[in-house]
C-alpha atoms as a PDB file:
ATOM      1  CA  MET A   1       0.000   0.000   0.000  1.00  0.00           C
ATOM      2  CA  SER A   2       1.377   3.399  -0.925  1.00  0.00           C
ATOM      3  CA  ASP A   3       1.970   6.016   1.754  1.00  0.00           C
ATOM      4  CA  LEU A   4      -0.927   8.111   0.436  1.00  0.00           C
ATOM      5  CA  ASN A   5      -3.348   5.169   0.462  1.00  0.00           C
ATOM      6  CA  GLN A   6      -2.221   4.243   3.957  1.00  0.00           C
ATOM      7  CA  THR A   7      -2.749   7.814   5.181  1.00  0.00           C
ATOM      8  CA  ILE A   8      -6.221   7.926   3.617  1.00  0.00           C
ATOM      9  CA  ALA A   9      -7.135   4.561   5.153  1.00  0.00           C
ATOM     10  CA  GLU A  10      -5.965   5.760   8.576  1.00  0.00           C
ATOM     11  CA  ARG A  11      -7.960   8.989   8.328  1.00  0.00           C
ATOM     12  CA  VAL A  12     -11.101   7.168   7.172  1.00  0.00           C
ATOM     13  CA  ALA A  13     -10.743   4.793  10.120  1.00  0.00           C
ATOM     14  CA  GLU A  14     -10.324   7.765  12.458  1.00  0.00           C
ATOM     15  CA  VAL A  15     -13.486   9.424  11.109  1.00  0.00           C
ATOM     16  CA  ALA A  16     -15.431   6.190  11.548  1.00  0.00           C
ATOM     17  CA  GLU A  17     -14.111   5.788  15.097  1.00  0.00           C
ATOM     18  CA  ASP A  18     -14.868   9.412  16.032  1.00  0.00           C
ATOM     19  CA  LEU A  19     -18.436   9.220  14.757  1.00  0.00           C
ATOM     20  CA  GLU A  20     -19.150   5.888  16.404  1.00  0.00           C
ATOM     21  CA  LEU A  21     -17.536   6.618  19.781  1.00  0.00           C
ATOM     22  CA  GLN A  22     -18.569  10.256  20.121  1.00  0.00           C
ATOM     23  CA  ALA A  23     -22.027  10.204  18.526  1.00  0.00           C
ATOM     24  CA  GLY A  24     -23.089   6.571  18.105  1.00  0.00           C
ATOM     25  CA  LEU A  25     -23.193   6.945  14.301  1.00  0.00           C
ATOM     26  CA  LYS A  26     -21.829   3.924  12.446  1.00  0.00           C
ATOM     27  CA  LEU A  27     -20.969   4.525   8.807  1.00  0.00           C
ATOM     28  CA  SER A  28     -21.894   1.776   6.358  1.00  0.00           C
ATOM     29  CA  ASN A  29     -19.289   0.055   4.194  1.00  0.00           C
ATOM     30  CA  LYS A  30     -20.662   1.983   1.210  1.00  0.00           C
ATOM     31  CA  GLN A  31     -20.200   5.284   3.077  1.00  0.00           C
ATOM     32  CA  LEU A  32     -16.676   4.316   4.140  1.00  0.00           C
ATOM     33  CA  ASP A  33     -15.825   3.463   0.522  1.00  0.00           C
ATOM     34  CA  GLU A  34     -17.225   6.819  -0.636  1.00  0.00           C
ATOM     35  CA  LEU A  35     -15.109   8.608   1.969  1.00  0.00           C
ATOM     36  CA  ARG A  36     -12.004   6.618   1.023  1.00  0.00           C
ATOM     37  CA  ILE A  37     -12.437   7.174  -2.731  1.00  0.00           C
ATOM     38  CA  THR A  38     -13.643  10.797  -2.834  1.00  0.00           C
ATOM     39  CA  GLY A  39     -12.506  12.274   0.477  1.00  0.00           C
ATOM     40  CA  ARG A  40     -16.078  12.990   1.491  1.00  0.00           C
ATOM     41  CA  VAL A  41     -19.296  11.228   2.301  1.00  0.00           C
ATOM     42  CA  THR A  42     -22.790  12.645   1.947  1.00  0.00           C
ATOM     43  CA  ILE A  43     -25.420  11.733   4.543  1.00  0.00           C
ATOM     44  CA  ASP A  44     -29.069  12.696   4.302  1.00  0.00           C
ATOM     45  CA  LEU A  45     -29.883  15.353   6.899  1.00  0.00           C
ATOM     46  CA  VAL A  46     -32.821  13.315   8.215  1.00  0.00           C
ATOM     47  CA  THR A  47     -30.484  10.359   8.803  1.00  0.00           C
ATOM     48  CA  ILE A  48     -27.785  12.352  10.582  1.00  0.00           C
ATOM     49  CA  ALA A  49     -30.156  14.654  12.524  1.00  0.00           C
ATOM     50  CA  PRO A  50     -30.379  12.485  15.688  1.00  0.00           C
ATOM     51  CA  TYR A  51     -26.556  12.461  15.888  1.00  0.00           C
ATOM     52  CA  LEU A  52     -25.929  16.145  15.122  1.00  0.00           C
ATOM     53  CA  PRO A  53     -26.001  17.488  18.705  1.00  0.00           C
ATOM     54  CA  ARG A  54     -23.324  15.000  19.804  1.00  0.00           C
ATOM     55  CA  ILE A  55     -21.247  15.512  16.652  1.00  0.00           C
ATOM     56  CA  VAL A  56     -21.334  19.303  17.012  1.00  0.00           C
ATOM     57  CA  LYS A  57     -20.493  19.062  20.724  1.00  0.00           C
ATOM     58  CA  TYR A  58     -17.520  16.815  19.939  1.00  0.00           C
ATOM     59  CA  LEU A  59     -16.247  19.144  17.219  1.00  0.00           C
ATOM     60  CA  HIS A  60     -16.589  22.223  19.433  1.00  0.00           C
ATOM     61  CA  GLN A  61     -14.868  20.585  22.401  1.00  0.00           C
ATOM     62  CA  SER A  62     -11.993  19.081  20.416  1.00  0.00           C
ATOM     63  CA  ASP A  63      -8.828  20.838  19.344  1.00  0.00           C
ATOM     64  CA  ASP A  64      -9.055  21.573  15.632  1.00  0.00           C
ATOM     65  CA  GLU A  65      -5.651  19.961  15.007  1.00  0.00           C
ATOM     66  CA  ASP A  66      -6.843  16.679  16.551  1.00  0.00           C
ATOM     67  CA  VAL A  67      -9.840  16.211  14.240  1.00  0.00           C
ATOM     68  CA  VAL A  68      -9.049  15.083  10.672  1.00  0.00           C
ATOM     69  CA  TRP A  69     -12.469  15.845   9.219  1.00  0.00           C
ATOM     70  CA  LEU A  70     -15.031  18.601   8.729  1.00  0.00           C
ATOM     71  CA  LEU A  71     -18.810  18.562   8.938  1.00  0.00           C
ATOM     72  CA  ILE A  72     -20.605  20.734   6.400  1.00  0.00           C
ATOM     73  CA  ILE A  73     -24.334  21.189   5.960  1.00  0.00           C
ATOM     74  CA  ASN A  74     -25.021  21.781   2.276  1.00  0.00           C
ATOM     75  CA  THR A  75     -27.886  24.264   2.206  1.00  0.00           C
ATOM     76  CA  ILE A  76     -28.681  23.542  -1.446  1.00  0.00           C
ATOM     77  CA  SER A  77     -28.972  19.748  -1.248  1.00  0.00           C
ATOM     78  CA  GLY A  78     -29.976  19.636   2.398  1.00  0.00           C
ATOM     79  CA  ASP A  79     -27.374  16.951   3.067  1.00  0.00           C
ATOM     80  CA  ALA A  80     -24.572  16.725   5.578  1.00  0.00           C
ATOM     81  CA  GLU A  81     -21.095  16.236   4.155  1.00  0.00           C
ATOM     82  CA  ILE A  82     -18.210  14.814   6.103  1.00  0.00           C
ATOM     83  CA  THR A  83     -14.958  15.724   4.396  1.00  0.00           C
ATOM     84  CA  LEU A  84     -11.398  14.683   5.142  1.00  0.00           C
ATOM     85  CA  LYS A  85      -9.256  17.721   5.918  1.00  0.00           C
ATOM     86  CA  GLY A  86      -6.564  18.427   3.366  1.00  0.00           C
ATOM     87  CA  CYS A  87      -8.220  16.690   0.428  1.00  0.00           C
ATOM     88  CA  GLN A  88      -9.419  19.830  -1.388  1.00  0.00           C
ATOM     89  CA  LEU A  89      -7.870  22.782  -3.123  1.00  0.00           C
ATOM     90  CA  MET A  90      -9.886  25.957  -2.838  1.00  0.00           C
ATOM     91  CA  LEU A  91      -9.366  28.151  -5.891  1.00  0.00           C
END
């Protein structure tokens, strides 16, 4: 496994662990694959809504450097997007 693939796999595992331990949200294999392949996973707002208070609390209480992902609410699609930090270029 290349260094990049190993880093991505480690970050995806960390996201999955954070969400499950801190909020009780378990990502499906399909969602984990989406995150691994694209650097982000989209979750319907209705699905993630019960977990949002715990996710937001965790993100606010954690040091930014210690969390390898971002939570974005897309106001156009109405979906939540979990994105790996450092996988985008903003132009």
